[in-house]
Amino acid sequence: MSAVDLFRTAEALPGAWRSRALAEVGTACVKVLRMDELPVEEEVHATTEVLLVLDGRLELTVDDAEVTVGPGGMQVVMAGSRHAVRAGSRGTLVIVEVPERA
């Protein structure tokens, strides 16, 4: 696999909050997406998500706790946790989805 320019890949996406899978590492899936200041409704996943902010800011609510993640920051959202993106989130986000072990 050749090197991936994460910023260029995110820019080329058809819209905000539409991720693109970049690679699989073991059972984990690595994705990139663009955030656009708009909120995203609460959701719950069966996989743990590692959220890496490359630039901008991620405003998140995880199980009723408000979290702000800045450039170079990381937040882990455990499988089964309620989480929502609050208004004001913007920039480039890498998501690593890690399935729970059987």
N, C-alpha and C. Protein backbone atom coordinates (compact mmCIF):
# COMPACT_ATOMS: atom_id res chain seq x y z
N MET A 1 0.85 -1.18 0.00
CA MET A 1 0.00 0.00 0.00
C MET A 1 0.89 1.24 0.00
N SER A 2 0.53 2.22 -0.81
CA SER A 2 1.31 3.45 -0.87
C SER A 2 0.81 4.44 0.17
N ALA A 3 1.59 5.49 0.36
CA ALA A 3 1.23 6.53 1.34
C ALA A 3 -0.08 7.21 0.96
N VAL A 4 -0.85 7.60 1.96
CA VAL A 4 -2.14 8.25 1.75
C VAL A 4 -2.06 9.67 2.31
N ASP A 5 -2.44 10.65 1.51
CA ASP A 5 -2.53 12.03 1.97
C ASP A 5 -3.93 12.18 2.58
N LEU A 6 -4.01 12.18 3.91
CA LEU A 6 -5.30 12.20 4.60
C LEU A 6 -6.10 13.46 4.31
N PHE A 7 -5.42 14.61 4.24
CA PHE A 7 -6.13 15.86 3.99
C PHE A 7 -6.71 15.89 2.57
N ARG A 8 -5.93 15.47 1.60
CA ARG A 8 -6.40 15.44 0.21
C ARG A 8 -7.55 14.44 0.06
N THR A 9 -7.43 13.30 0.70
CA THR A 9 -8.49 12.29 0.63
C THR A 9 -9.78 12.82 1.24
N ALA A 10 -9.68 13.49 2.40
CA ALA A 10 -10.87 14.06 3.04
C ALA A 10 -11.49 15.15 2.19
N GLU A 11 -10.66 15.99 1.57
CA GLU A 11 -11.16 17.06 0.70
C GLU A 11 -11.94 16.51 -0.48
N ALA A 12 -11.51 15.35 -1.00
CA ALA A 12 -12.13 14.77 -2.19
C ALA A 12 -13.45 14.05 -1.89
N LEU A 13 -13.79 13.87 -0.63
CA LEU A 13 -15.04 13.18 -0.30
C LEU A 13 -16.24 13.98 -0.79
N PRO A 14 -17.33 13.30 -1.15
CA PRO A 14 -18.50 13.99 -1.72
C PRO A 14 -19.25 14.88 -0.73
N GLY A 15 -19.03 14.72 0.54
CA GLY A 15 -19.71 15.56 1.53
C GLY A 15 -19.16 15.30 2.92
N ALA A 16 -19.52 16.21 3.82
CA ALA A 16 -19.11 16.05 5.21
C ALA A 16 -19.79 14.83 5.82
N TRP A 17 -19.12 14.25 6.80
CA TRP A 17 -19.62 13.10 7.56
C TRP A 17 -19.85 11.88 6.68
N ARG A 18 -19.19 11.84 5.52
CA ARG A 18 -19.24 10.66 4.65
C ARG A 18 -17.83 10.10 4.61
N SER A 19 -17.57 9.09 5.39
CA SER A 19 -16.21 8.56 5.55
C SER A 19 -15.80 7.70 4.37
N ARG A 20 -14.49 7.57 4.27
CA ARG A 20 -13.91 6.66 3.28
C ARG A 20 -12.97 5.71 4.01
N ALA A 21 -13.17 4.41 3.79
CA ALA A 21 -12.27 3.42 4.38
C ALA A 21 -10.94 3.49 3.65
N LEU A 22 -9.87 3.55 4.43
CA LEU A 22 -8.53 3.66 3.86
C LEU A 22 -7.75 2.35 3.93
N ALA A 23 -7.94 1.62 5.02
CA ALA A 23 -7.16 0.40 5.23
C ALA A 23 -7.79 -0.44 6.32
N GLU A 24 -7.41 -1.70 6.32
CA GLU A 24 -7.74 -2.59 7.43
C GLU A 24 -6.43 -3.02 8.07
N VAL A 25 -6.41 -2.95 9.39
CA VAL A 25 -5.23 -3.36 10.16
C VAL A 25 -5.73 -4.43 11.13
N GLY A 26 -5.39 -5.67 10.86
CA GLY A 26 -5.98 -6.75 11.63
C GLY A 26 -7.48 -6.72 11.41
N THR A 27 -8.25 -6.60 12.48
CA THR A 27 -9.71 -6.52 12.35
C THR A 27 -10.21 -5.08 12.38
N ALA A 28 -9.31 -4.12 12.56
CA ALA A 28 -9.70 -2.71 12.64
C ALA A 28 -9.80 -2.09 11.25
N CYS A 29 -10.72 -1.15 11.11
CA CYS A 29 -10.90 -0.41 9.86
C CYS A 29 -10.53 1.05 10.11
N VAL A 30 -9.67 1.60 9.25
CA VAL A 30 -9.22 2.99 9.37
C VAL A 30 -9.95 3.81 8.32
N LYS A 31 -10.61 4.90 8.76
CA LYS A 31 -11.40 5.75 7.88
C LYS A 31 -11.00 7.21 8.06
N VAL A 32 -11.30 8.03 7.07
CA VAL A 32 -11.11 9.48 7.18
C VAL A 32 -12.41 10.16 6.77
N LEU A 33 -12.68 11.32 7.38
CA LEU A 33 -13.85 12.11 6.98
C LEU A 33 -13.63 13.58 7.29
N ARG A 34 -14.51 14.38 6.74
CA ARG A 34 -14.52 15.83 6.95
C ARG A 34 -15.70 16.20 7.84
N MET A 35 -15.44 17.06 8.81
CA MET A 35 -16.52 17.56 9.68
C MET A 35 -16.91 18.96 9.17
N ASP A 36 -18.18 19.36 9.38
CA ASP A 36 -18.65 20.61 8.77
C ASP A 36 -19.42 21.55 9.70
N GLU A 37 -19.16 21.54 10.98
CA GLU A 37 -19.81 22.43 11.95
C GLU A 37 -21.21 21.97 12.37
N LEU A 38 -21.85 21.08 11.60
CA LEU A 38 -23.21 20.65 11.91
C LEU A 38 -23.20 19.47 12.89
N PRO A 39 -24.21 19.38 13.74
CA PRO A 39 -24.28 18.26 14.69
C PRO A 39 -24.66 16.96 13.99
N VAL A 40 -24.35 15.85 14.66
CA VAL A 40 -24.74 14.52 14.20
C VAL A 40 -25.48 13.86 15.36
N GLU A 41 -26.65 13.30 15.07
CA GLU A 41 -27.49 12.72 16.12
C GLU A 41 -26.78 11.62 16.90
N GLU A 42 -27.27 11.41 18.11
CA GLU A 42 -26.71 10.38 18.97
C GLU A 42 -26.82 9.01 18.32
N GLU A 43 -25.76 8.21 18.53
CA GLU A 43 -25.74 6.86 18.01
C GLU A 43 -24.97 5.96 18.96
N VAL A 44 -25.14 4.66 18.75
CA VAL A 44 -24.43 3.64 19.54
C VAL A 44 -23.92 2.61 18.54
N HIS A 45 -22.65 2.20 18.70
CA HIS A 45 -22.05 1.22 17.80
C HIS A 45 -21.68 -0.05 18.57
N ALA A 46 -21.60 -1.14 17.83
CA ALA A 46 -21.13 -2.39 18.41
C ALA A 46 -19.61 -2.48 18.39
N THR A 47 -18.96 -1.47 17.82
CA THR A 47 -17.50 -1.44 17.76
C THR A 47 -16.98 -0.26 18.57
N THR A 48 -15.78 -0.42 19.11
CA THR A 48 -15.10 0.70 19.74
C THR A 48 -14.55 1.59 18.63
N GLU A 49 -14.62 2.91 18.82
CA GLU A 49 -14.09 3.85 17.85
C GLU A 49 -12.98 4.68 18.49
N VAL A 50 -11.87 4.78 17.79
CA VAL A 50 -10.80 5.69 18.18
C VAL A 50 -10.91 6.87 17.23
N LEU A 51 -11.13 8.07 17.78
CA LEU A 51 -11.33 9.28 16.99
C LEU A 51 -10.09 10.16 17.10
N LEU A 52 -9.40 10.39 15.97
CA LEU A 52 -8.18 11.18 15.94
C LEU A 52 -8.44 12.46 15.14
N VAL A 53 -8.32 13.61 15.78
CA VAL A 53 -8.55 14.89 15.12
C VAL A 53 -7.23 15.35 14.51
N LEU A 54 -7.20 15.46 13.18
CA LEU A 54 -5.99 15.92 12.51
C LEU A 54 -5.89 17.43 12.50
N ASP A 55 -7.01 18.07 12.21
CA ASP A 55 -7.08 19.53 12.27
C ASP A 55 -8.51 19.92 12.62
N GLY A 56 -8.68 21.13 13.14
CA GLY A 56 -10.00 21.58 13.54
C GLY A 56 -10.31 21.17 14.97
N ARG A 57 -11.58 20.83 15.20
CA ARG A 57 -12.03 20.53 16.56
C ARG A 57 -13.24 19.60 16.50
N LEU A 58 -13.27 18.62 17.39
CA LEU A 58 -14.40 17.70 17.52
C LEU A 58 -15.10 18.00 18.83
N GLU A 59 -16.37 18.38 18.76
CA GLU A 59 -17.21 18.61 19.93
C GLU A 59 -18.11 17.39 20.06
N LEU A 60 -17.95 16.66 21.14
CA LEU A 60 -18.59 15.37 21.28
C LEU A 60 -19.28 15.27 22.63
N THR A 61 -20.38 14.53 22.67
CA THR A 61 -21.00 14.14 23.93
C THR A 61 -20.94 12.62 23.98
N VAL A 62 -20.32 12.09 25.04
CA VAL A 62 -20.19 10.63 25.21
C VAL A 62 -20.81 10.27 26.55
N ASP A 63 -21.89 9.49 26.49
CA ASP A 63 -22.61 9.09 27.71
C ASP A 63 -22.86 10.29 28.62
N ASP A 64 -23.40 11.36 28.05
CA ASP A 64 -23.79 12.60 28.75
C ASP A 64 -22.63 13.49 29.18
N ALA A 65 -21.40 13.12 28.90
CA ALA A 65 -20.24 13.97 29.23
C ALA A 65 -19.79 14.71 27.97
N GLU A 66 -19.62 16.03 28.08
CA GLU A 66 -19.16 16.82 26.94
C GLU A 66 -17.65 16.76 26.85
N VAL A 67 -17.15 16.53 25.64
CA VAL A 67 -15.72 16.38 25.38
C VAL A 67 -15.36 17.24 24.18
N THR A 68 -14.26 17.96 24.27
CA THR A 68 -13.71 18.70 23.13
C THR A 68 -12.35 18.12 22.83
N VAL A 69 -12.13 17.76 21.55
CA VAL A 69 -10.86 17.19 21.12
C VAL A 69 -10.28 18.11 20.05
N GLY A 70 -9.07 18.60 20.29
CA GLY A 70 -8.43 19.51 19.36
C GLY A 70 -7.45 18.80 18.45
N PRO A 71 -6.74 19.58 17.61
CA PRO A 71 -5.79 19.01 16.66
C PRO A 71 -4.74 18.15 17.36
N GLY A 72 -4.53 16.97 16.84
CA GLY A 72 -3.58 16.04 17.43
C GLY A 72 -4.13 15.26 18.60
N GLY A 73 -5.40 15.51 18.94
CA GLY A 73 -6.02 14.83 20.07
C GLY A 73 -6.76 13.57 19.66
N MET A 74 -7.04 12.75 20.66
CA MET A 74 -7.69 11.46 20.42
C MET A 74 -8.73 11.21 21.50
N GLN A 75 -9.85 10.64 21.10
CA GLN A 75 -10.89 10.22 22.03
C GLN A 75 -11.28 8.78 21.70
N VAL A 76 -11.36 7.94 22.70
CA VAL A 76 -11.82 6.56 22.50
C VAL A 76 -13.27 6.49 22.95
N VAL A 77 -14.13 5.99 22.07
CA VAL A 77 -15.54 5.78 22.38
C VAL A 77 -15.75 4.27 22.41
N MET A 78 -15.99 3.75 23.58
CA MET A 78 -16.13 2.30 23.75
C MET A 78 -17.41 1.79 23.09
N ALA A 79 -17.36 0.56 22.63
CA ALA A 79 -18.55 -0.07 22.05
C ALA A 79 -19.70 0.03 23.04
N GLY A 80 -20.88 0.34 22.54
CA GLY A 80 -22.06 0.45 23.39
C GLY A 80 -22.26 1.80 24.04
N SER A 81 -21.31 2.72 23.87
CA SER A 81 -21.45 4.07 24.46
C SER A 81 -22.32 4.95 23.57
N ARG A 82 -23.22 5.69 24.20
CA ARG A 82 -24.01 6.67 23.46
C ARG A 82 -23.10 7.86 23.17
N HIS A 83 -23.11 8.32 21.92
CA HIS A 83 -22.30 9.48 21.59
C HIS A 83 -22.94 10.26 20.45
N ALA A 84 -22.70 11.57 20.48
CA ALA A 84 -23.24 12.47 19.47
C ALA A 84 -22.21 13.57 19.22
N VAL A 85 -22.19 14.05 17.99
CA VAL A 85 -21.33 15.18 17.64
C VAL A 85 -22.13 16.46 17.81
N ARG A 86 -21.56 17.40 18.57
CA ARG A 86 -22.22 18.68 18.79
C ARG A 86 -21.86 19.67 17.68
N ALA A 87 -22.72 20.67 17.52
CA ALA A 87 -22.46 21.74 16.54
C ALA A 87 -21.11 22.38 16.83
N GLY A 88 -20.42 22.79 15.79
CA GLY A 88 -19.12 23.43 15.92
C GLY A 88 -17.95 22.52 15.59
N SER A 89 -18.22 21.23 15.39
CA SER A 89 -17.15 20.32 15.01
C SER A 89 -16.75 20.59 13.57
N ARG A 90 -15.45 20.72 13.34
CA ARG A 90 -14.98 21.02 11.99
C ARG A 90 -13.56 20.49 11.81
N GLY A 91 -13.19 20.24 10.57
CA GLY A 91 -11.84 19.78 10.27
C GLY A 91 -11.81 18.36 9.75
N THR A 92 -10.68 17.70 9.97
CA THR A 92 -10.44 16.37 9.44
C THR A 92 -10.32 15.37 10.59
N LEU A 93 -11.04 14.27 10.45
CA LEU A 93 -11.11 13.26 11.50
C LEU A 93 -10.74 11.89 10.94
N VAL A 94 -9.88 11.18 11.65
CA VAL A 94 -9.59 9.78 11.33
C VAL A 94 -10.31 8.92 12.37
N ILE A 95 -11.01 7.91 11.89
CA ILE A 95 -11.72 6.98 12.77
C ILE A 95 -11.12 5.59 12.60
N VAL A 96 -10.78 4.97 13.71
CA VAL A 96 -10.34 3.58 13.68
C VAL A 96 -11.42 2.78 14.40
N GLU A 97 -12.12 1.93 13.66
CA GLU A 97 -13.16 1.11 14.24
C GLU A 97 -12.57 -0.24 14.63
N VAL A 98 -12.73 -0.58 15.90
CA VAL A 98 -12.14 -1.80 16.43
C VAL A 98 -13.26 -2.72 16.89
N PRO A 99 -13.52 -3.80 16.17
CA PRO A 99 -14.58 -4.74 16.59
C PRO A 99 -14.25 -5.36 17.94
N GLU A 100 -15.28 -5.63 18.71
CA GLU A 100 -15.09 -6.29 19.99
C GLU A 100 -14.62 -7.72 19.76
N ARG A 101 -13.81 -8.20 20.67
CA ARG A 101 -13.32 -9.58 20.57
C ARG A 101 -14.43 -10.56 20.92
N ALA A 102 -14.40 -11.69 20.24
CA ALA A 102 -15.44 -12.72 20.48
C ALA A 102 -15.16 -13.45 21.78
